[in-house]
Amino acid sequence: MDSDENLPRPGDPLALLVKQDLDPLSVAELEARVATLEGEIARVNRHKQRAVNHRAIADELFKR
């Protein structure tokens, strides 16, 4: 595994997101941003759980 694999890629949307200046945003905009990010966290967690389940099924199938 290359150590550079975990570094943000140039133009990586997540890297750009965390660098964004939050000072110009209103409270309502910040609340909307939090709600959007919480939704994305839930989506990623669901995808992760499907991957874990898929791996467990494959391991059981091949008796690892």
N, C-alpha and C. Protein backbone atom coordinates (compact mmCIF):
# COMPACT_ATOMS: atom_id res chain seq x y z
N MET A 1 0.83 -1.17 0.00
CA MET A 1 0.00 0.00 0.00
C MET A 1 0.88 1.24 0.00
N ASP A 2 0.62 2.12 -0.92
CA ASP A 2 1.39 3.36 -1.05
C ASP A 2 0.96 4.33 0.04
N SER A 3 1.91 4.96 0.71
CA SER A 3 1.56 5.88 1.80
C SER A 3 0.82 7.10 1.29
N ASP A 4 0.94 7.42 0.00
CA ASP A 4 0.23 8.57 -0.56
C ASP A 4 -1.24 8.28 -0.84
N GLU A 5 -1.66 7.02 -0.76
CA GLU A 5 -3.05 6.67 -1.06
C GLU A 5 -4.04 7.34 -0.13
N ASN A 6 -3.66 7.59 1.12
CA ASN A 6 -4.58 8.17 2.08
C ASN A 6 -4.55 9.69 2.11
N LEU A 7 -3.69 10.30 1.32
CA LEU A 7 -3.64 11.75 1.25
C LEU A 7 -4.73 12.26 0.33
N PRO A 8 -5.28 13.43 0.63
CA PRO A 8 -6.31 13.97 -0.26
C PRO A 8 -5.75 14.21 -1.65
N ARG A 9 -6.55 13.87 -2.65
CA ARG A 9 -6.15 14.12 -4.02
C ARG A 9 -6.38 15.59 -4.34
N PRO A 10 -5.59 16.17 -5.24
CA PRO A 10 -5.84 17.56 -5.63
C PRO A 10 -7.27 17.69 -6.15
N GLY A 11 -7.98 18.68 -5.65
CA GLY A 11 -9.34 18.88 -6.07
C GLY A 11 -10.32 17.93 -5.40
N ASP A 12 -9.87 17.16 -4.41
CA ASP A 12 -10.73 16.24 -3.68
C ASP A 12 -11.82 17.04 -2.98
N PRO A 13 -13.10 16.75 -3.27
CA PRO A 13 -14.18 17.54 -2.69
C PRO A 13 -14.17 17.56 -1.16
N LEU A 14 -13.81 16.45 -0.53
CA LEU A 14 -13.78 16.41 0.93
C LEU A 14 -12.69 17.33 1.47
N ALA A 15 -11.52 17.31 0.84
CA ALA A 15 -10.43 18.18 1.28
C ALA A 15 -10.82 19.64 1.11
N LEU A 16 -11.50 19.95 0.01
CA LEU A 16 -11.95 21.32 -0.21
C LEU A 16 -13.01 21.72 0.82
N LEU A 17 -13.88 20.79 1.15
CA LEU A 17 -14.95 21.05 2.11
C LEU A 17 -14.40 21.44 3.47
N VAL A 18 -13.43 20.70 3.95
CA VAL A 18 -12.91 20.96 5.30
C VAL A 18 -12.05 22.21 5.36
N LYS A 19 -11.62 22.70 4.21
CA LYS A 19 -10.82 23.92 4.17
C LYS A 19 -11.68 25.17 4.01
N GLN A 20 -12.96 24.99 3.70
CA GLN A 20 -13.83 26.13 3.43
C GLN A 20 -13.96 27.01 4.66
N ASP A 21 -13.88 28.32 4.44
CA ASP A 21 -14.05 29.31 5.51
C ASP A 21 -15.51 29.35 5.91
N LEU A 22 -15.79 29.13 7.18
CA LEU A 22 -17.16 29.10 7.67
C LEU A 22 -17.63 30.47 8.17
N ASP A 23 -16.72 31.42 8.31
CA ASP A 23 -17.07 32.73 8.84
C ASP A 23 -18.18 33.44 8.07
N PRO A 24 -18.22 33.38 6.74
CA PRO A 24 -19.27 34.12 6.03
C PRO A 24 -20.66 33.48 6.11
N LEU A 25 -20.77 32.28 6.65
CA LEU A 25 -22.04 31.58 6.67
C LEU A 25 -22.91 32.03 7.84
N SER A 26 -24.21 32.14 7.59
CA SER A 26 -25.17 32.48 8.64
C SER A 26 -25.44 31.25 9.50
N VAL A 27 -26.13 31.46 10.60
CA VAL A 27 -26.50 30.34 11.47
C VAL A 27 -27.37 29.36 10.70
N ALA A 28 -28.33 29.88 9.92
CA ALA A 28 -29.20 29.00 9.12
C ALA A 28 -28.39 28.20 8.11
N GLU A 29 -27.42 28.83 7.48
CA GLU A 29 -26.57 28.11 6.52
C GLU A 29 -25.72 27.06 7.22
N LEU A 30 -25.23 27.38 8.40
CA LEU A 30 -24.44 26.41 9.16
C LEU A 30 -25.31 25.23 9.59
N GLU A 31 -26.54 25.49 10.02
CA GLU A 31 -27.46 24.40 10.38
C GLU A 31 -27.77 23.53 9.18
N ALA A 32 -27.97 24.13 8.03
CA ALA A 32 -28.24 23.36 6.80
C ALA A 32 -27.03 22.51 6.44
N ARG A 33 -25.86 23.08 6.61
CA ARG A 33 -24.62 22.35 6.31
C ARG A 33 -24.48 21.14 7.24
N VAL A 34 -24.75 21.35 8.53
CA VAL A 34 -24.67 20.25 9.51
C VAL A 34 -25.65 19.16 9.13
N ALA A 35 -26.89 19.53 8.78
CA ALA A 35 -27.90 18.54 8.41
C ALA A 35 -27.46 17.75 7.18
N THR A 36 -26.89 18.43 6.21
CA THR A 36 -26.40 17.77 5.00
C THR A 36 -25.26 16.81 5.33
N LEU A 37 -24.33 17.26 6.16
CA LEU A 37 -23.20 16.41 6.54
C LEU A 37 -23.65 15.21 7.36
N GLU A 38 -24.63 15.40 8.25
CA GLU A 38 -25.16 14.27 9.02
C GLU A 38 -25.82 13.25 8.09
N GLY A 39 -26.52 13.74 7.07
CA GLY A 39 -27.11 12.84 6.09
C GLY A 39 -26.06 12.06 5.33
N GLU A 40 -24.97 12.72 5.00
CA GLU A 40 -23.88 12.05 4.29
C GLU A 40 -23.20 11.03 5.19
N ILE A 41 -23.03 11.35 6.46
CA ILE A 41 -22.44 10.39 7.40
C ILE A 41 -23.32 9.15 7.49
N ALA A 42 -24.62 9.33 7.58
CA ALA A 42 -25.54 8.19 7.63
C ALA A 42 -25.44 7.36 6.36
N ARG A 43 -25.34 8.01 5.21
CA ARG A 43 -25.23 7.29 3.93
C ARG A 43 -23.94 6.47 3.88
N VAL A 44 -22.84 7.06 4.33
CA VAL A 44 -21.55 6.36 4.34
C VAL A 44 -21.59 5.18 5.31
N ASN A 45 -22.20 5.38 6.47
CA ASN A 45 -22.31 4.28 7.44
C ASN A 45 -23.15 3.14 6.90
N ARG A 46 -24.23 3.44 6.17
CA ARG A 46 -25.04 2.37 5.57
C ARG A 46 -24.22 1.61 4.52
N HIS A 47 -23.46 2.34 3.73
CA HIS A 47 -22.64 1.69 2.70
C HIS A 47 -21.56 0.82 3.36
N LYS A 48 -20.96 1.34 4.41
CA LYS A 48 -19.94 0.58 5.14
C LYS A 48 -20.52 -0.70 5.70
N GLN A 49 -21.72 -0.62 6.27
CA GLN A 49 -22.36 -1.81 6.84
C GLN A 49 -22.65 -2.84 5.76
N ARG A 50 -23.09 -2.39 4.58
CA ARG A 50 -23.31 -3.33 3.48
C ARG A 50 -22.00 -4.02 3.09
N ALA A 51 -20.90 -3.27 3.09
CA ALA A 51 -19.60 -3.85 2.75
C ALA A 51 -19.18 -4.88 3.80
N VAL A 52 -19.40 -4.57 5.06
CA VAL A 52 -19.07 -5.51 6.14
C VAL A 52 -19.91 -6.77 6.00
N ASN A 53 -21.20 -6.60 5.75
CA ASN A 53 -22.08 -7.76 5.59
C ASN A 53 -21.68 -8.60 4.38
N HIS A 54 -21.34 -7.93 3.29
CA HIS A 54 -20.91 -8.64 2.09
C HIS A 54 -19.66 -9.45 2.36
N ARG A 55 -18.73 -8.86 3.09
CA ARG A 55 -17.48 -9.56 3.42
C ARG A 55 -17.76 -10.77 4.31
N ALA A 56 -18.66 -10.60 5.28
CA ALA A 56 -18.98 -11.71 6.18
C ALA A 56 -19.62 -12.86 5.41
N ILE A 57 -20.50 -12.53 4.47
CA ILE A 57 -21.13 -13.57 3.65
C ILE A 57 -20.09 -14.29 2.81
N ALA A 58 -19.17 -13.53 2.21
CA ALA A 58 -18.12 -14.15 1.39
C ALA A 58 -17.22 -15.03 2.25
N ASP A 59 -16.85 -14.53 3.43
CA ASP A 59 -16.01 -15.33 4.32
C ASP A 59 -16.70 -16.63 4.73
N GLU A 60 -18.00 -16.56 5.01
CA GLU A 60 -18.74 -17.76 5.37
C GLU A 60 -18.83 -18.72 4.20
N LEU A 61 -19.04 -18.18 3.02
CA LEU A 61 -19.15 -19.00 1.82
C LEU A 61 -17.85 -19.76 1.57
N PHE A 62 -16.73 -19.08 1.75
CA PHE A 62 -15.43 -19.70 1.49
C PHE A 62 -14.74 -20.19 2.77
N LYS A 63 -15.47 -20.16 3.90
CA LYS A 63 -14.98 -20.67 5.18
C LYS A 63 -13.62 -20.14 5.55
N ARG A 64 -13.48 -18.85 5.56
CA ARG A 64 -12.20 -18.23 5.92
C ARG A 64 -12.02 -18.22 7.40
